[in-house]
């Protein structure tokens, strides 16, 4: 679809086919059939044929097709990235403004998808990274940052071994659990009112309390006489 095509009789038909290709997502079938060679030729044709004289719709159709083909690809080949990188070469005067804009838009749309492939793709070319547009340098930079971040968060071999040993150890904390339960019970009893705490006393505790009272300043009391002092305590209790 060159500049002269806009005045030809087949131009409108070509635009209609391009529109249907974009809207119906016919390219997905090409991916399913593994028509990688045809997809590569289509990318090359779009980038070499787009012109400023073409209406914006043509640009959008091409951008849409290239974007979804990259996004839906299981693996992005270096061959497919080659014409796109060529469209972003700074000093390549053969690249038209429209082609540069189209390649840049597709790179921006697929930045996350292309991050794992960009550094390798750039290294495979004979041009250093600073010879490409800013969008290419940005994607490569973000890719490097993610690799470094993931490396920092990756457990070391020592940490992996310690984690494996911890998982493999039997769970033996019965004594600790009993100790905690006993402490909790003592704390609950201390917090109880005196009358309720009395119910938890054993027979031996009651006898000890009677003996302590008998040896104190208060004189022994016979019969069922009781005295008051916090809670009533009977001096003669049968045990």
C-alpha atoms as a PDB file:
ATOM      1  CA  UNK A   1       0.000   0.000   0.000  1.00  0.00           C
ATOM      2  CA  UNK A   2       2.329   2.715  -1.272  1.00  0.00           C
ATOM      3  CA  UNK A   3       1.683   6.402  -1.823  1.00  0.00           C
ATOM      4  CA  UNK A   4       0.471   5.800  -5.374  1.00  0.00           C
ATOM      5  CA  UNK A   5      -2.032   3.233  -4.140  1.00  0.00           C
ATOM      6  CA  UNK A   6      -4.236   5.915  -2.585  1.00  0.00           C
ATOM      7  CA  UNK A   7      -5.451   6.945  -6.043  1.00  0.00           C
ATOM      8  CA  UNK A   8      -5.791   3.441  -7.469  1.00  0.00           C
ATOM      9  CA  UNK A   9      -9.055   1.566  -7.794  1.00  0.00           C
ATOM     10  CA  UNK A  10      -7.932  -1.191  -5.471  1.00  0.00           C
ATOM     11  CA  UNK A  11      -7.055   1.161  -2.600  1.00  0.00           C
ATOM     12  CA  UNK A  12     -10.474   1.076  -0.917  1.00  0.00           C
ATOM     13  CA  UNK A  13     -10.581  -2.687  -1.256  1.00  0.00           C
ATOM     14  CA  UNK A  14      -7.157  -2.985   0.376  1.00  0.00           C
ATOM     15  CA  UNK A  15      -8.235  -0.766   3.263  1.00  0.00           C
ATOM     16  CA  UNK A  16     -11.403  -2.854   3.722  1.00  0.00           C
ATOM     17  CA  UNK A  17      -9.363  -6.078   3.894  1.00  0.00           C
ATOM     18  CA  UNK A  18      -6.990  -4.479   6.381  1.00  0.00           C
ATOM     19  CA  UNK A  19      -9.917  -3.354   8.523  1.00  0.00           C
ATOM     20  CA  UNK A  20     -11.508  -6.818   8.564  1.00  0.00           C
ATOM     21  CA  UNK A  21      -8.142  -8.384   9.360  1.00  0.00           C
ATOM     22  CA  UNK A  22      -7.841  -6.108  12.387  1.00  0.00           C
ATOM     23  CA  UNK A  23     -11.419  -6.392  13.628  1.00  0.00           C
ATOM     24  CA  UNK A  24     -11.877 -10.154  13.173  1.00  0.00           C
ATOM     25  CA  UNK A  25      -8.343 -10.890  14.434  1.00  0.00           C
ATOM     26  CA  UNK A  26      -7.578 -13.216  11.558  1.00  0.00           C
ATOM     27  CA  UNK A  27      -3.937 -13.198  12.623  1.00  0.00           C
ATOM     28  CA  UNK A  28      -4.796 -15.547  15.491  1.00  0.00           C
ATOM     29  CA  UNK A  29      -5.450 -18.261  12.918  1.00  0.00           C
ATOM     30  CA  UNK A  30      -2.010 -17.569  11.440  1.00  0.00           C
ATOM     31  CA  UNK A  31      -0.478 -18.119  14.870  1.00  0.00           C
ATOM     32  CA  UNK A  32      -2.402 -21.350  15.371  1.00  0.00           C
ATOM     33  CA  UNK A  33      -1.181 -22.592  11.989  1.00  0.00           C
ATOM     34  CA  UNK A  34       2.372 -21.419  12.855  1.00  0.00           C
ATOM     35  CA  UNK A  35       2.606 -19.192   9.783  1.00  0.00           C
ATOM     36  CA  UNK A  36       5.601 -17.368  11.235  1.00  0.00           C
ATOM     37  CA  UNK A  37       7.097 -16.570   7.850  1.00  0.00           C
ATOM     38  CA  UNK A  38       3.911 -14.849   6.661  1.00  0.00           C
ATOM     39  CA  UNK A  39       3.661 -12.868   9.891  1.00  0.00           C
ATOM     40  CA  UNK A  40       7.267 -11.699   9.482  1.00  0.00           C
ATOM     41  CA  UNK A  41       6.570 -10.594   5.887  1.00  0.00           C
ATOM     42  CA  UNK A  42       3.444  -8.759   7.031  1.00  0.00           C
ATOM     43  CA  UNK A  43       5.391  -6.827   9.686  1.00  0.00           C
ATOM     44  CA  UNK A  44       7.988  -5.882   7.113  1.00  0.00           C
ATOM     45  CA  UNK A  45       5.330  -4.803   4.627  1.00  0.00           C
ATOM     46  CA  UNK A  46       3.479  -2.636   7.154  1.00  0.00           C
ATOM     47  CA  UNK A  47       6.629  -0.836   8.266  1.00  0.00           C
ATOM     48  CA  UNK A  48       7.897  -0.278   4.727  1.00  0.00           C
ATOM     49  CA  UNK A  49       4.571   0.788   3.179  1.00  0.00           C
ATOM     50  CA  UNK A  50       2.982   3.094   5.762  1.00  0.00           C
ATOM     51  CA  UNK A  51       3.087   6.746   4.658  1.00  0.00           C
ATOM     52  CA  UNK A  52       2.064  10.113   6.046  1.00  0.00           C
ATOM     53  CA  UNK A  53      -0.514  10.433   3.262  1.00  0.00           C
ATOM     54  CA  UNK A  54      -2.430   7.389   4.512  1.00  0.00           C
ATOM     55  CA  UNK A  55      -5.479   8.108   6.663  1.00  0.00           C
ATOM     56  CA  UNK A  56      -5.254   7.507  10.399  1.00  0.00           C
ATOM     57  CA  UNK A  57      -7.516   4.452  10.104  1.00  0.00           C
ATOM     58  CA  UNK A  58      -4.851   2.626   8.080  1.00  0.00           C
ATOM     59  CA  UNK A  59      -2.261   3.370  10.772  1.00  0.00           C
ATOM     60  CA  UNK A  60      -4.618   2.122  13.514  1.00  0.00           C
ATOM     61  CA  UNK A  61      -5.410  -1.106  11.642  1.00  0.00           C
ATOM     62  CA  UNK A  62      -1.732  -1.893  11.174  1.00  0.00           C
ATOM     63  CA  UNK A  63      -0.932  -1.056  14.793  1.00  0.00           C
ATOM     64  CA  UNK A  64      -3.796  -3.234  16.032  1.00  0.00           C
ATOM     65  CA  UNK A  65      -2.763  -6.230  13.943  1.00  0.00           C
ATOM     66  CA  UNK A  66       0.904  -6.049  14.946  1.00  0.00           C
ATOM     67  CA  UNK A  67       0.026  -5.562  18.614  1.00  0.00           C
ATOM     68  CA  UNK A  68      -2.294  -8.514  19.001  1.00  0.00           C
ATOM     69  CA  UNK A  69       0.011 -10.790  17.016  1.00  0.00           C
ATOM     70  CA  UNK A  70       2.842 -10.042  19.446  1.00  0.00           C
ATOM     71  CA  UNK A  71       0.636 -10.279  22.531  1.00  0.00           C
ATOM     72  CA  UNK A  72      -0.886 -13.596  21.471  1.00  0.00           C
ATOM     73  CA  UNK A  73       2.431 -15.186  20.497  1.00  0.00           C
ATOM     74  CA  UNK A  74       3.702 -17.877  22.838  1.00  0.00           C
ATOM     75  CA  UNK A  75       7.262 -16.942  21.966  1.00  0.00           C
ATOM     76  CA  UNK A  76       8.474 -13.790  20.194  1.00  0.00           C
ATOM     77  CA  UNK A  77      11.168 -14.639  17.658  1.00  0.00           C
ATOM     78  CA  UNK A  78      14.254 -12.518  17.074  1.00  0.00           C
ATOM     79  CA  UNK A  79      13.346 -12.499  13.384  1.00  0.00           C
ATOM     80  CA  UNK A  80      10.059 -10.740  14.122  1.00  0.00           C
ATOM     81  CA  UNK A  81      11.752  -8.084  16.254  1.00  0.00           C
ATOM     82  CA  UNK A  82      14.373  -7.285  13.606  1.00  0.00           C
ATOM     83  CA  UNK A  83      12.188  -5.068  11.339  1.00  0.00           C
ATOM     84  CA  UNK A  84      10.696  -3.390  14.389  1.00  0.00           C
ATOM     85  CA  UNK A  85      14.126  -2.532  15.781  1.00  0.00           C
ATOM     86  CA  UNK A  86      15.171  -1.278  12.352  1.00  0.00           C
ATOM     87  CA  UNK A  87      12.263   1.179  12.443  1.00  0.00           C
ATOM     88  CA  UNK A  88      13.713   2.669  15.648  1.00  0.00           C
ATOM     89  CA  UNK A  89      17.272   3.267  14.454  1.00  0.00           C
ATOM     90  CA  UNK A  90      18.164   6.902  15.104  1.00  0.00           C
ATOM     91  CA  UNK A  91      20.427   7.515  12.119  1.00  0.00           C
ATOM     92  CA  UNK A  92      18.588   5.439   9.537  1.00  0.00           C
ATOM     93  CA  UNK A  93      17.353   8.003   7.016  1.00  0.00           C
ATOM     94  CA  UNK A  94      15.503   5.360   5.035  1.00  0.00           C
ATOM     95  CA  UNK A  95      12.952   4.968   7.820  1.00  0.00           C
ATOM     96  CA  UNK A  96       9.913   7.177   7.241  1.00  0.00           C
ATOM     97  CA  UNK A  97       8.328   9.174  10.035  1.00  0.00           C
ATOM     98  CA  UNK A  98       5.169   7.064   9.850  1.00  0.00           C
ATOM     99  CA  UNK A  99       7.124   3.805  10.054  1.00  0.00           C
ATOM    100  CA  UNK A 100       9.070   5.084  13.051  1.00  0.00           C
ATOM    101  CA  UNK A 101       5.821   6.132  14.725  1.00  0.00           C
ATOM    102  CA  UNK A 102       4.171   2.771  13.963  1.00  0.00           C
ATOM    103  CA  UNK A 103       7.070   0.768  15.381  1.00  0.00           C
ATOM    104  CA  UNK A 104       7.208   2.967  18.480  1.00  0.00           C
ATOM    105  CA  UNK A 105       3.467   2.574  19.124  1.00  0.00           C
ATOM    106  CA  UNK A 106       3.676  -1.211  18.861  1.00  0.00           C
ATOM    107  CA  UNK A 107       6.712  -1.303  21.180  1.00  0.00           C
ATOM    108  CA  UNK A 108       4.830   0.764  23.756  1.00  0.00           C
ATOM    109  CA  UNK A 109       1.719  -1.403  23.499  1.00  0.00           C
ATOM    110  CA  UNK A 110       3.699  -4.622  23.963  1.00  0.00           C
ATOM    111  CA  UNK A 111       6.393  -3.415  26.367  1.00  0.00           C
ATOM    112  CA  UNK A 112       5.653  -5.971  29.083  1.00  0.00           C
ATOM    113  CA  UNK A 113       5.470  -8.796  26.576  1.00  0.00           C
ATOM    114  CA  UNK A 114       8.748  -7.850  24.893  1.00  0.00           C
ATOM    115  CA  UNK A 115      10.878  -7.205  27.992  1.00  0.00           C
ATOM    116  CA  UNK A 116      12.297 -10.753  28.172  1.00  0.00           C
ATOM    117  CA  UNK A 117      13.386 -10.592  24.515  1.00  0.00           C
ATOM    118  CA  UNK A 118      14.612  -7.047  23.978  1.00  0.00           C
ATOM    119  CA  UNK A 119      18.173  -7.205  25.314  1.00  0.00           C
ATOM    120  CA  UNK A 120      18.932 -10.329  23.347  1.00  0.00           C
ATOM    121  CA  UNK A 121      17.357  -8.843  20.211  1.00  0.00           C
ATOM    122  CA  UNK A 122      19.416  -5.647  20.500  1.00  0.00           C
ATOM    123  CA  UNK A 123      22.629  -7.621  21.071  1.00  0.00           C
ATOM    124  CA  UNK A 124      21.940  -9.656  17.945  1.00  0.00           C
ATOM    125  CA  UNK A 125      22.108  -6.456  15.862  1.00  0.00           C
ATOM    126  CA  UNK A 126      25.240  -4.513  14.935  1.00  0.00           C
ATOM    127  CA  UNK A 127      23.963  -1.336  16.594  1.00  0.00           C
ATOM    128  CA  UNK A 128      24.543  -0.343  20.247  1.00  0.00           C
ATOM    129  CA  UNK A 129      21.583   0.430  22.484  1.00  0.00           C
ATOM    130  CA  UNK A 130      22.072   4.198  22.283  1.00  0.00           C
ATOM    131  CA  UNK A 131      21.617   3.944  18.525  1.00  0.00           C
ATOM    132  CA  UNK A 132      17.904   3.215  18.993  1.00  0.00           C
ATOM    133  CA  UNK A 133      15.004   5.367  20.070  1.00  0.00           C
ATOM    134  CA  UNK A 134      14.190   6.075  23.694  1.00  0.00           C
ATOM    135  CA  UNK A 135      11.339   3.561  23.805  1.00  0.00           C
ATOM    136  CA  UNK A 136      13.749   0.701  22.999  1.00  0.00           C
ATOM    137  CA  UNK A 137      16.246   1.860  25.624  1.00  0.00           C
ATOM    138  CA  UNK A 138      13.461   2.183  28.202  1.00  0.00           C
ATOM    139  CA  UNK A 139      12.165  -1.351  27.649  1.00  0.00           C
ATOM    140  CA  UNK A 140      15.696  -2.769  27.906  1.00  0.00           C
ATOM    141  CA  UNK A 141      16.342  -0.773  31.086  1.00  0.00           C
ATOM    142  CA  UNK A 142      13.123  -1.976  32.717  1.00  0.00           C
ATOM    143  CA  UNK A 143      14.008  -5.528  31.747  1.00  0.00           C
ATOM    144  CA  UNK A 144      17.390  -5.232  33.496  1.00  0.00           C
ATOM    145  CA  UNK A 145      15.792  -3.745  36.620  1.00  0.00           C
ATOM    146  CA  UNK A 146      13.310  -6.620  36.835  1.00  0.00           C
ATOM    147  CA  UNK A 147      16.069  -9.212  36.484  1.00  0.00           C
ATOM    148  CA  UNK A 148      18.068  -7.531  39.276  1.00  0.00           C
ATOM    149  CA  UNK A 149      14.980  -7.261  41.502  1.00  0.00           C
ATOM    150  CA  UNK A 150      14.109 -10.911  41.014  1.00  0.00           C
ATOM    151  CA  UNK A 151      17.707 -11.881  41.759  1.00  0.00           C
ATOM    152  CA  UNK A 152      17.614 -10.007  45.074  1.00  0.00           C
ATOM    153  CA  UNK A 153      14.379 -11.713  46.109  1.00  0.00           C
ATOM    154  CA  UNK A 154      15.548 -15.202  45.149  1.00  0.00           C
ATOM    155  CA  UNK A 155      16.340 -17.333  48.235  1.00  0.00           C
ATOM    156  CA  UNK A 156      19.958 -18.390  48.613  1.00  0.00           C
ATOM    157  CA  UNK A 157      20.949 -22.054  48.720  1.00  0.00           C
ATOM    158  CA  UNK A 158      21.533 -21.767  52.478  1.00  0.00           C
ATOM    159  CA  UNK A 159      18.046 -20.333  53.026  1.00  0.00           C
ATOM    160  CA  UNK A 160      16.550 -23.121  50.921  1.00  0.00           C
ATOM    161  CA  UNK A 161      18.348 -25.776  53.000  1.00  0.00           C
ATOM    162  CA  UNK A 162      17.246 -24.188  56.286  1.00  0.00           C
ATOM    163  CA  UNK A 163      13.659 -24.038  55.079  1.00  0.00           C
ATOM    164  CA  UNK A 164      13.777 -27.681  54.000  1.00  0.00           C
ATOM    165  CA  UNK A 165      15.187 -28.738  57.403  1.00  0.00           C
ATOM    166  CA  UNK A 166      12.490 -26.773  59.221  1.00  0.00           C
ATOM    167  CA  UNK A 167       9.735 -28.435  57.228  1.00  0.00           C
ATOM    168  CA  UNK A 168      11.218 -31.899  57.747  1.00  0.00           C
ATOM    169  CA  UNK A 169      11.420 -31.578  61.581  1.00  0.00           C
ATOM    170  CA  UNK A 170       8.641 -33.375  63.545  1.00  0.00           C
ATOM    171  CA  UNK A 171       6.224 -31.101  65.346  1.00  0.00           C
ATOM    172  CA  UNK A 172       7.054 -31.753  69.029  1.00  0.00           C
ATOM    173  CA  UNK A 173       5.784 -28.933  71.189  1.00  0.00           C
ATOM    174  CA  UNK A 174       3.533 -30.835  73.581  1.00  0.00           C
ATOM    175  CA  UNK A 175       5.380 -29.705  76.714  1.00  0.00           C
ATOM    176  CA  UNK A 176       5.281 -26.083  75.646  1.00  0.00           C
ATOM    177  CA  UNK A 177       1.589 -26.266  74.883  1.00  0.00           C
ATOM    178  CA  UNK A 178       0.860 -27.832  78.278  1.00  0.00           C
ATOM    179  CA  UNK A 179       2.904 -25.133  79.981  1.00  0.00           C
ATOM    180  CA  UNK A 180       1.025 -22.390  78.191  1.00  0.00           C
ATOM    181  CA  UNK A 181      -2.324 -23.972  79.014  1.00  0.00           C
ATOM    182  CA  UNK A 182      -1.370 -24.272  82.697  1.00  0.00           C
ATOM    183  CA  UNK A 183      -0.279 -20.618  82.856  1.00  0.00           C
ATOM    184  CA  UNK A 184      -3.485 -19.529  81.202  1.00  0.00           C
ATOM    185  CA  UNK A 185      -5.499 -21.541  83.725  1.00  0.00           C
ATOM    186  CA  UNK A 186      -3.614 -20.010  86.679  1.00  0.00           C
ATOM    187  CA  UNK A 187      -4.164 -16.538  85.277  1.00  0.00           C
ATOM    188  CA  UNK A 188      -7.876 -17.199  84.864  1.00  0.00           C
ATOM    189  CA  UNK A 189      -8.190 -18.453  88.416  1.00  0.00           C
ATOM    190  CA  UNK A 190      -6.349 -15.428  89.807  1.00  0.00           C
ATOM    191  CA  UNK A 191      -8.723 -13.123  87.988  1.00  0.00           C
ATOM    192  CA  UNK A 192     -11.815 -14.933  89.414  1.00  0.00           C
ATOM    193  CA  UNK A 193     -13.792 -13.499  92.343  1.00  0.00           C
ATOM    194  CA  UNK A 194     -12.888 -15.124  95.645  1.00  0.00           C
ATOM    195  CA  UNK A 195     -16.221 -16.951  95.959  1.00  0.00           C
ATOM    196  CA  UNK A 196     -15.789 -18.549  92.522  1.00  0.00           C
ATOM    197  CA  UNK A 197     -12.117 -19.297  93.073  1.00  0.00           C
ATOM    198  CA  UNK A 198     -13.121 -21.232  96.181  1.00  0.00           C
ATOM    199  CA  UNK A 199     -14.803 -23.829  94.022  1.00  0.00           C
ATOM    200  CA  UNK A 200     -11.473 -24.721  92.424  1.00  0.00           C
ATOM    201  CA  UNK A 201      -9.763 -25.536  95.720  1.00  0.00           C
ATOM    202  CA  UNK A 202      -8.901 -29.179  96.362  1.00  0.00           C
ATOM    203  CA  UNK A 203      -9.501 -31.033  99.618  1.00  0.00           C
ATOM    204  CA  UNK A 204      -5.831 -30.632 100.529  1.00  0.00           C
ATOM    205  CA  UNK A 205      -6.020 -26.865  99.923  1.00  0.00           C
ATOM    206  CA  UNK A 206      -8.989 -26.584 102.298  1.00  0.00           C
ATOM    207  CA  UNK A 207      -7.254 -28.572 105.052  1.00  0.00           C
ATOM    208  CA  UNK A 208      -4.136 -26.399 104.695  1.00  0.00           C
ATOM    209  CA  UNK A 209      -6.236 -23.279 104.987  1.00  0.00           C
ATOM    210  CA  UNK A 210      -7.903 -24.591 108.152  1.00  0.00           C
ATOM    211  CA  UNK A 211      -4.537 -25.377 109.758  1.00  0.00           C
ATOM    212  CA  UNK A 212      -3.205 -21.914 108.884  1.00  0.00           C
ATOM    213  CA  UNK A 213      -6.215 -20.256 110.415  1.00  0.00           C
ATOM    214  CA  UNK A 214      -5.955 -22.312 113.578  1.00  0.00           C
ATOM    215  CA  UNK A 215      -2.321 -21.310 114.135  1.00  0.00           C
ATOM    216  CA  UNK A 216      -3.011 -17.605 113.613  1.00  0.00           C
ATOM    217  CA  UNK A 217      -4.080 -14.796 115.919  1.00  0.00           C
ATOM    218  CA  UNK A 218      -7.735 -15.773 115.752  1.00  0.00           C
ATOM    219  CA  UNK A 219      -8.802 -18.343 118.353  1.00  0.00           C
ATOM    220  CA  UNK A 220     -10.212 -21.651 117.162  1.00  0.00           C
ATOM    221  CA  UNK A 221     -13.938 -21.694 116.749  1.00  0.00           C
ATOM    222  CA  UNK A 222     -16.015 -24.689 117.621  1.00  0.00           C
ATOM    223  CA  UNK A 223     -19.152 -25.945 115.994  1.00  0.00           C
ATOM    224  CA  UNK A 224     -20.296 -24.372 112.765  1.00  0.00           C
ATOM    225  CA  UNK A 225     -19.488 -20.776 113.738  1.00  0.00           C
ATOM    226  CA  UNK A 226     -18.075 -18.767 110.871  1.00  0.00           C
ATOM    227  CA  UNK A 227     -16.250 -15.436 110.714  1.00  0.00           C
ATOM    228  CA  UNK A 228     -16.244 -12.806 107.983  1.00  0.00           C
ATOM    229  CA  UNK A 229     -13.075 -11.746 106.272  1.00  0.00           C
ATOM    230  CA  UNK A 230     -13.180 -11.206 102.544  1.00  0.00           C
ATOM    231  CA  UNK A 231     -15.303 -14.280 102.072  1.00  0.00           C
ATOM    232  CA  UNK A 232     -16.818 -16.400 104.896  1.00  0.00           C
ATOM    233  CA  UNK A 233     -14.527 -19.144 105.995  1.00  0.00           C
ATOM    234  CA  UNK A 234     -15.840 -21.933 108.203  1.00  0.00           C
ATOM    235  CA  UNK A 235     -13.388 -22.971 110.898  1.00  0.00           C
ATOM    236  CA  UNK A 236     -14.795 -26.445 111.302  1.00  0.00           C
ATOM    237  CA  UNK A 237     -15.012 -28.195 107.984  1.00  0.00           C
ATOM    238  CA  UNK A 238     -15.271 -31.894 107.667  1.00  0.00           C
ATOM    239  CA  UNK A 239     -12.739 -33.352 105.214  1.00  0.00           C
END
